[in-house]
C-alpha atoms as a PDB file:
ATOM      1  CA  MET A   1       2.273   8.388  -6.763  1.00  0.00           C
ATOM      2  CA  VAL A   2       5.029   6.225  -5.243  1.00  0.00           C
ATOM      3  CA  TYR A   3       4.288   7.640  -1.792  1.00  0.00           C
ATOM      4  CA  GLY A   4       0.636   6.734  -2.211  1.00  0.00           C
ATOM      5  CA  LEU A   5       1.494   3.150  -3.181  1.00  0.00           C
ATOM      6  CA  LEU A   6       3.912   2.812  -0.267  1.00  0.00           C
ATOM      7  CA  ALA A   7       1.270   4.255   2.059  1.00  0.00           C
ATOM      8  CA  LEU A   8      -1.227   1.612   0.926  1.00  0.00           C
ATOM      9  CA  ALA A   9       1.277  -1.250   1.121  1.00  0.00           C
ATOM     10  CA  SER A  10       2.671  -0.319   4.527  1.00  0.00           C
ATOM     11  CA  THR A  11      -0.782   0.397   5.963  1.00  0.00           C
ATOM     12  CA  GLY A  12      -2.116  -2.978   4.862  1.00  0.00           C
ATOM     13  CA  ARG A  13       0.921  -4.779   6.192  1.00  0.00           C
ATOM     14  CA  SER A  14       0.963  -2.973   9.528  1.00  0.00           C
ATOM     15  CA  VAL A  15      -2.770  -3.447  10.132  1.00  0.00           C
ATOM     16  CA  TYR A  16      -2.390  -7.175   9.510  1.00  0.00           C
ATOM     17  CA  GLN A  17       0.686  -7.364  11.759  1.00  0.00           C
ATOM     18  CA  LEU A  18      -0.974  -5.451  14.578  1.00  0.00           C
ATOM     19  CA  ILE A  19      -4.107  -7.595  14.466  1.00  0.00           C
ATOM     20  CA  ALA A  20      -2.587 -11.017  13.819  1.00  0.00           C
ATOM     21  CA  ASP A  21       0.811 -11.002  15.518  1.00  0.00           C
ATOM     22  CA  PHE A  22       1.240  -7.940  17.743  1.00  0.00           C
ATOM     23  CA  GLU A  23       2.524  -9.928  20.733  1.00  0.00           C
ATOM     24  CA  LYS A  24       5.249 -11.445  18.535  1.00  0.00           C
ATOM     25  CA  ALA A  25       7.059  -8.135  17.919  1.00  0.00           C
ATOM     26  CA  PRO A  26       5.225  -5.113  19.330  1.00  0.00           C
ATOM     27  CA  VAL A  27       8.051  -2.636  18.690  1.00  0.00           C
ATOM     28  CA  ALA A  28       8.626  -3.729  15.106  1.00  0.00           C
ATOM     29  CA  TYR A  29       4.934  -3.766  14.265  1.00  0.00           C
ATOM     30  CA  SER A  30       4.326  -0.414  15.955  1.00  0.00           C
ATOM     31  CA  LEU A  31       7.158   1.046  13.871  1.00  0.00           C
ATOM     32  CA  SER A  32       5.517  -0.335  10.738  1.00  0.00           C
ATOM     33  CA  ALA A  33       2.278   1.402  11.745  1.00  0.00           C
ATOM     34  CA  LEU A  34       4.174   4.652  12.401  1.00  0.00           C
ATOM     35  CA  ALA A  35       5.819   4.367   8.977  1.00  0.00           C
ATOM     36  CA  ALA A  36       2.398   3.877   7.385  1.00  0.00           C
ATOM     37  CA  ILE A  37       1.070   7.015   9.075  1.00  0.00           C
ATOM     38  CA  ILE A  38       4.145   8.959   7.950  1.00  0.00           C
ATOM     39  CA  TYR A  39       3.628   7.801   4.354  1.00  0.00           C
ATOM     40  CA  ILE A  40      -0.038   8.786   4.420  1.00  0.00           C
ATOM     41  CA  VAL A  41       0.653  12.269   5.811  1.00  0.00           C
ATOM     42  CA  ALA A  42       3.600  12.766   3.439  1.00  0.00           C
ATOM     43  CA  THR A  43       1.408  11.798   0.479  1.00  0.00           C
ATOM     44  CA  ILE A  44      -1.208  14.351   1.487  1.00  0.00           C
ATOM     45  CA  GLY A  45       1.494  16.977   2.066  1.00  0.00           C
ATOM     46  CA  LEU A  46       2.923  16.380  -1.392  1.00  0.00           C
ATOM     47  CA  VAL A  47      -0.382  16.762  -3.228  1.00  0.00           C
ATOM     48  CA  ALA A  48      -2.208  19.383  -1.153  1.00  0.00           C
ATOM     49  CA  PRO A  49      -1.640  22.993  -2.143  1.00  0.00           C
ATOM     50  CA  GLY A  50      -0.254  25.670   0.112  1.00  0.00           C
ATOM     51  CA  ARG A  51       2.773  26.524   2.177  1.00  0.00           C
ATOM     52  CA  ALA A  52       1.496  24.731   5.298  1.00  0.00           C
ATOM     53  CA  TRP A  53       1.151  21.417   3.452  1.00  0.00           C
ATOM     54  CA  TYR A  54       4.578  21.953   1.910  1.00  0.00           C
ATOM     55  CA  ARG A  55       5.992  22.227   5.429  1.00  0.00           C
ATOM     56  CA  VAL A  56       4.077  19.126   6.512  1.00  0.00           C
ATOM     57  CA  ALA A  57       5.615  17.229   3.583  1.00  0.00           C
ATOM     58  CA  VAL A  58       9.131  18.416   4.464  1.00  0.00           C
ATOM     59  CA  VAL A  59       8.776  17.465   8.131  1.00  0.00           C
ATOM     60  CA  THR A  60       7.220  14.056   7.502  1.00  0.00           C
ATOM     61  CA  ILE A  61       9.683  13.114   4.768  1.00  0.00           C
ATOM     62  CA  ALA A  62      12.651  14.272   6.873  1.00  0.00           C
ATOM     63  CA  PHE A  63      11.266  12.200   9.771  1.00  0.00           C
ATOM     64  CA  GLU A  64      10.918   9.260   7.407  1.00  0.00           C
ATOM     65  CA  LEU A  65      14.565   9.572   6.328  1.00  0.00           C
ATOM     66  CA  VAL A  66      15.758   9.668   9.939  1.00  0.00           C
ATOM     67  CA  GLY A  67      13.532   6.692  10.775  1.00  0.00           C
ATOM     68  CA  VAL A  68      14.850   4.624   7.865  1.00  0.00           C
ATOM     69  CA  LEU A  69      18.451   5.414   8.777  1.00  0.00           C
ATOM     70  CA  VAL A  70      18.055   4.759  12.506  1.00  0.00           C
ATOM     71  CA  VAL A  71      15.898   1.632  12.261  1.00  0.00           C
ATOM     72  CA  GLY A  72      17.958   0.364   9.327  1.00  0.00           C
ATOM     73  CA  ALA A  73      21.216   0.742  11.250  1.00  0.00           C
ATOM     74  CA  LEU A  74      19.791  -0.724  14.459  1.00  0.00           C
ATOM     75  CA  SER A  75      18.329  -3.703  12.618  1.00  0.00           C
ATOM     76  CA  LEU A  76      21.796  -4.487  11.256  1.00  0.00           C
ATOM     77  CA  VAL A  77      23.741  -3.819  14.462  1.00  0.00           C
ATOM     78  CA  ASP A  78      21.346  -5.611  16.828  1.00  0.00           C
ATOM     79  CA  PRO A  79      18.831  -7.808  14.969  1.00  0.00           C
ATOM     80  CA  VAL A  80      17.327  -8.904  18.303  1.00  0.00           C
ATOM     81  CA  LEU A  81      15.738  -5.442  18.609  1.00  0.00           C
ATOM     82  CA  PHE A  82      13.597  -6.198  15.569  1.00  0.00           C
ATOM     83  CA  PRO A  83      12.750  -9.910  15.584  1.00  0.00           C
ATOM     84  CA  GLU A  84      10.260  -9.292  12.785  1.00  0.00           C
ATOM     85  CA  LYS A  85      10.667  -7.071   9.735  1.00  0.00           C
ATOM     86  CA  THR A  86       9.415  -3.511   9.621  1.00  0.00           C
ATOM     87  CA  VAL A  87       9.061  -1.258   6.588  1.00  0.00           C
ATOM     88  CA  TRP A  88      12.353   0.377   7.604  1.00  0.00           C
ATOM     89  CA  SER A  89      14.291  -2.777   8.664  1.00  0.00           C
ATOM     90  CA  VAL A  90      17.657  -3.121   6.945  1.00  0.00           C
ATOM     91  CA  PHE A  91      16.971   0.209   5.217  1.00  0.00           C
ATOM     92  CA  GLY A  92      13.772  -1.054   3.598  1.00  0.00           C
ATOM     93  CA  ARG A  93      15.215  -4.227   2.081  1.00  0.00           C
ATOM     94  CA  GLY A  94      11.791  -5.923   2.170  1.00  0.00           C
ATOM     95  CA  TYR A  95      10.464  -3.145  -0.079  1.00  0.00           C
ATOM     96  CA  GLY A  96      13.393  -3.120  -2.519  1.00  0.00           C
ATOM     97  CA  PHE A  97      15.143  -0.300  -0.616  1.00  0.00           C
ATOM     98  CA  VAL A  98      12.437   2.109  -1.803  1.00  0.00           C
ATOM     99  CA  PRO A  99      12.001   3.392   1.799  1.00  0.00           C
ATOM    100  CA  LEU A 100      15.674   4.460   1.763  1.00  0.00           C
ATOM    101  CA  VAL A 101      15.700   6.123  -1.656  1.00  0.00           C
ATOM    102  CA  LEU A 102      12.229   7.678  -1.573  1.00  0.00           C
ATOM    103  CA  PRO A 103      12.773  10.283   1.163  1.00  0.00           C
ATOM    104  CA  VAL A 104      15.970  11.479  -0.512  1.00  0.00           C
ATOM    105  CA  LEU A 105      14.113  11.895  -3.803  1.00  0.00           C
ATOM    106  CA  GLY A 106      11.118  13.414  -1.991  1.00  0.00           C
ATOM    107  CA  LEU A 107      13.223  16.030  -0.220  1.00  0.00           C
ATOM    108  CA  ALA A 108      15.057  16.832  -3.469  1.00  0.00           C
ATOM    109  CA  TRP A 109      11.728  17.250  -5.277  1.00  0.00           C
ATOM    110  CA  LEU A 110      10.444  19.499  -2.497  1.00  0.00           C
ATOM    111  CA  TRP A 111      13.615  21.590  -2.650  1.00  0.00           C
ATOM    112  CA  ILE A 112      13.328  22.028  -6.416  1.00  0.00           C
ATOM    113  CA  ASN A 113       9.605  22.838  -6.147  1.00  0.00           C
ATOM    114  CA  ARG A 114       9.765  24.957  -2.987  1.00  0.00           C
ATOM    115  CA  PRO A 115       7.329  27.838  -2.744  1.00  0.00           C
ATOM    116  CA  THR A 116       8.953  31.103  -3.771  1.00  0.00           C
ATOM    117  CA  GLY A 117       7.899  34.493  -5.001  1.00  0.00           C
ATOM    118  CA  PRO A 118       4.614  36.358  -4.604  1.00  0.00           C
ATOM    119  CA  ARG A 119       2.413  33.284  -5.037  1.00  0.00           C
ATOM    120  CA  ALA A 120       4.194  31.595  -2.117  1.00  0.00           C
ATOM    121  CA  ALA A 121       3.644  34.710  -0.013  1.00  0.00           C
ATOM    122  CA  MET A 122      -0.100  34.157  -0.541  1.00  0.00           C
ATOM    123  CA  GLY A 123       0.277  30.563   0.660  1.00  0.00           C
ATOM    124  CA  MET A 124      -0.068  29.049  -2.804  1.00  0.00           C
ATOM    125  CA  ALA A 125       2.180  26.401  -4.318  1.00  0.00           C
ATOM    126  CA  PRO A 126       4.281  27.638  -7.247  1.00  0.00           C
ATOM    127  CA  ASP A 127       2.225  25.714  -9.791  1.00  0.00           C
ATOM    128  CA  ALA A 128      -1.206  26.437  -8.323  1.00  0.00           C
ATOM    129  CA  ALA A 129      -3.736  28.191 -10.541  1.00  0.00           C
ATOM    130  CA  VAL A 130      -4.763  31.705  -9.561  1.00  0.00           C
END
């Protein structure tokens, strides 16, 4: 549910930024749009059944974690690179650091709920109905 809310918030913000102020900070606003896409795909990967969607969720959430760490560090070390805030600037400070904590919790949840056993061999999530 949190991923869905973050997907909506970051999508709305990035669409506005791209339309209204793109020339002001094209890199920052493009990163916000990328983050929004990552959140949307991760949300789908978390709720859709099957091993393939599980893998999609792992890849997108791992990418999100790397993005938050890299953009967060760069925005602290060289603020000129990001003259305007992105979802991942300063490790997601503008979003209450949720973008920093969420991928860690998401990957932990995926690890705990990873597909195993005969149901996983059939491409079904562990809690999917037969």
